[in-house]
Amino acid sequence: MTHPCTYFLLLTNRDSFGTIARMLKIRLKRVGRKHDPSFRLVVLESQRGPKSGDYIENLGSYNARTDEKTINGERVNHWISVGAKPSDTAHNLLVELGIITGKKVNVLPKKSPLVKEGEGEKAEAPASVKKAEAPTVETATEADSRAPSQAEAKVEA
């Protein structure tokens, strides 16, 4: 039996005498139609693509439209204990459901970092970059009260 900290599972190969070390991943496999995303949480070898259909076990499902999540937490913990490593998105899903503990992982590209709540476009710029204050806008009644009427303008001219 391998140590639980290793990220592979020794699988026996019937064609030859011996064992083959293979890394296992827990990842999402898309099964929904166009514009209707739904996923299966599956265990598969890390070398195989999720669309290959050659997965070891189906651990549950996640419907992205209805936000419905049905995952067998006991089996997930079993596969993690034997060395399967979840992908970043699967890790975030499992943390959200409370199946595993830890912090969520940033899955966004490095060019677009996470924005904390309260920050963003409304964050205050440094003093050297601040724009000049915008001029105040007058309403039509204020402009009329200050400008001389047409009759007064003719008399003055």
Protein backbone atom coordinates (compact mmCIF):
# COMPACT_ATOMS: atom_id res chain seq x y z
CA MET A 1 0.00 0.00 0.00
CA THR A 2 1.35 3.43 -0.88
CA HIS A 3 1.54 6.37 1.44
CA PRO A 4 -1.56 8.65 1.23
CA CYS A 5 0.60 11.70 0.44
CA THR A 6 1.67 10.31 -2.93
CA TYR A 7 -0.42 11.42 -5.87
CA PHE A 8 -0.61 8.14 -7.72
CA LEU A 9 -2.26 4.77 -7.40
CA LEU A 10 -0.56 1.53 -8.30
CA LEU A 11 -2.80 -0.34 -10.70
CA THR A 12 -2.10 -3.90 -11.78
CA ASN A 13 -1.82 -4.60 -15.47
CA ARG A 14 -3.17 -8.03 -16.51
CA ASP A 15 -1.15 -8.13 -19.74
CA SER A 16 2.22 -8.03 -17.98
CA PHE A 17 3.50 -9.05 -14.60
CA GLY A 18 4.00 -6.01 -12.44
CA THR A 19 2.43 -2.73 -11.57
CA ILE A 20 2.13 0.60 -13.34
CA ALA A 21 2.21 3.87 -11.42
CA ARG A 22 -0.46 6.27 -12.66
CA MET A 23 -1.42 9.67 -11.33
CA LEU A 24 -5.13 10.10 -10.73
CA LYS A 25 -7.15 13.31 -11.02
CA ILE A 26 -10.61 14.27 -9.85
CA ARG A 27 -12.00 16.63 -12.45
CA LEU A 28 -15.17 17.88 -14.06
CA LYS A 29 -16.40 16.30 -17.29
CA ARG A 30 -18.91 18.34 -19.28
CA VAL A 31 -21.97 16.37 -20.32
CA GLY A 32 -24.52 19.11 -21.05
CA ARG A 33 -25.89 20.29 -24.36
CA LYS A 34 -24.94 23.56 -26.01
CA HIS A 35 -25.68 26.54 -23.74
CA ASP A 36 -26.82 24.15 -20.99
CA PRO A 37 -23.71 23.34 -18.95
CA SER A 38 -23.81 20.38 -16.61
CA PHE A 39 -20.85 18.36 -15.40
CA ARG A 40 -19.91 15.03 -13.85
CA LEU A 41 -17.23 14.81 -11.18
CA VAL A 42 -15.07 11.86 -12.25
CA VAL A 43 -11.83 10.12 -11.26
CA LEU A 44 -9.50 9.39 -14.16
CA GLU A 45 -5.86 9.09 -15.04
CA SER A 46 -4.16 12.45 -15.40
CA GLN A 47 -2.92 11.57 -18.91
CA ARG A 48 -6.44 11.05 -20.22
CA GLY A 49 -8.67 13.89 -21.31
CA PRO A 50 -11.97 14.33 -19.51
CA LYS A 51 -13.91 13.84 -22.76
CA SER A 52 -12.33 10.46 -23.50
CA GLY A 53 -15.07 8.69 -21.54
CA ASP A 54 -12.51 6.37 -19.98
CA TYR A 55 -12.94 7.33 -16.34
CA ILE A 56 -12.56 5.08 -13.31
CA GLU A 57 -15.53 6.25 -11.23
CA ASN A 58 -18.32 8.82 -11.36
CA LEU A 59 -18.42 10.72 -8.05
CA GLY A 60 -21.42 12.96 -8.66
CA SER A 61 -22.79 15.76 -10.79
CA TYR A 62 -23.01 19.54 -10.90
CA ASN A 63 -25.59 21.51 -12.89
CA ALA A 64 -24.20 25.00 -13.49
CA ARG A 65 -27.55 26.51 -14.52
CA THR A 66 -29.59 25.45 -11.50
CA ASP A 67 -26.53 25.32 -9.19
CA GLU A 68 -27.59 21.79 -8.18
CA LYS A 69 -24.72 19.75 -6.73
CA THR A 70 -24.98 16.05 -5.91
CA ILE A 71 -21.60 14.62 -4.90
CA ASN A 72 -20.76 11.46 -2.96
CA GLY A 73 -18.42 12.91 -0.32
CA GLU A 74 -17.47 9.53 1.10
CA ARG A 75 -16.10 8.31 -2.25
CA VAL A 76 -14.32 11.63 -2.85
CA ASN A 77 -12.51 11.31 0.49
CA HIS A 78 -11.62 7.70 -0.37
CA TRP A 79 -10.01 8.68 -3.68
CA ILE A 80 -8.16 11.58 -2.09
CA SER A 81 -6.86 9.23 0.62
CA VAL A 82 -5.39 6.87 -1.99
CA GLY A 83 -3.68 9.73 -3.78
CA ALA A 84 -6.05 11.27 -6.32
CA LYS A 85 -5.59 15.02 -6.62
CA PRO A 86 -8.57 17.28 -7.50
CA SER A 87 -8.26 19.89 -10.24
CA ASP A 88 -8.48 23.53 -9.12
CA THR A 89 -12.14 23.92 -10.09
CA ALA A 90 -13.08 20.58 -8.53
CA HIS A 91 -11.16 21.60 -5.39
CA ASN A 92 -13.19 24.84 -5.16
CA LEU A 93 -16.43 22.90 -5.61
CA LEU A 94 -15.49 20.42 -2.87
CA VAL A 95 -14.46 23.22 -0.48
CA GLU A 96 -17.76 25.01 -1.15
CA LEU A 97 -19.72 21.88 -0.26
CA GLY A 98 -17.61 21.26 2.86
CA ILE A 99 -16.38 17.86 1.70
CA ILE A 100 -12.74 18.92 2.07
CA THR A 101 -11.26 21.74 4.12
CA GLY A 102 -9.01 24.52 2.91
CA LYS A 103 -9.10 27.75 0.97
CA LYS A 104 -10.43 28.13 -2.52
CA VAL A 105 -7.86 28.35 -5.30
CA ASN A 106 -7.69 31.18 -7.85
CA VAL A 107 -8.60 29.58 -11.17
CA LEU A 108 -8.53 32.80 -13.18
CA PRO A 109 -5.64 33.47 -15.55
CA LYS A 110 -2.70 35.38 -14.08
CA LYS A 111 -3.54 38.41 -16.23
CA SER A 112 -6.86 38.91 -14.44
CA PRO A 113 -6.22 38.62 -10.68
CA LEU A 114 -8.92 38.15 -8.07
CA VAL A 115 -10.65 41.39 -7.00
CA LYS A 116 -11.60 41.55 -3.35
CA GLU A 117 -15.01 42.88 -2.36
CA GLY A 118 -15.04 46.66 -2.00
CA GLU A 119 -12.22 47.08 -4.52
CA GLY A 120 -12.44 47.39 -8.25
CA GLU A 121 -13.34 50.29 -10.51
CA LYS A 122 -14.36 52.50 -7.60
CA ALA A 123 -10.98 52.17 -5.91
CA GLU A 124 -9.44 55.57 -5.30
CA ALA A 125 -6.61 56.55 -7.64
CA PRO A 126 -3.34 58.07 -6.39
CA ALA A 127 -3.23 61.86 -6.01
CA SER A 128 -0.94 62.28 -9.04
CA VAL A 129 -3.44 60.52 -11.30
CA LYS A 130 -6.66 62.13 -10.09
CA LYS A 131 -8.71 63.86 -12.77
CA ALA A 132 -9.81 67.45 -12.58
CA GLU A 133 -13.24 67.97 -11.09
CA ALA A 134 -16.03 67.97 -13.64
CA PRO A 135 -17.80 71.29 -14.13
CA THR A 136 -21.21 71.57 -12.54
CA VAL A 137 -24.20 71.28 -14.83
CA GLU A 138 -26.82 74.02 -14.65
CA THR A 139 -30.47 73.33 -15.02
CA ALA A 140 -32.50 75.24 -17.58
CA THR A 141 -34.28 77.38 -14.95
CA GLU A 142 -30.98 78.48 -13.36
CA ALA A 143 -29.55 79.46 -16.75
CA ASP A 144 -32.69 81.42 -17.64
CA SER A 145 -32.69 83.33 -14.36
CA ARG A 146 -29.09 84.49 -14.86
CA ALA A 147 -29.25 85.34 -18.57
CA PRO A 148 -31.00 88.57 -19.53
CA SER A 149 -34.24 88.10 -21.40
CA GLN A 150 -34.35 88.81 -25.15
CA ALA A 151 -36.31 92.03 -24.63
CA GLU A 152 -33.70 93.39 -22.19
CA ALA A 153 -30.90 92.44 -24.60
CA LYS A 154 -32.50 94.51 -27.41
CA VAL A 155 -32.95 97.55 -25.17
CA GLU A 156 -29.30 97.48 -24.12
CA ALA A 157 -28.08 97.22 -27.70
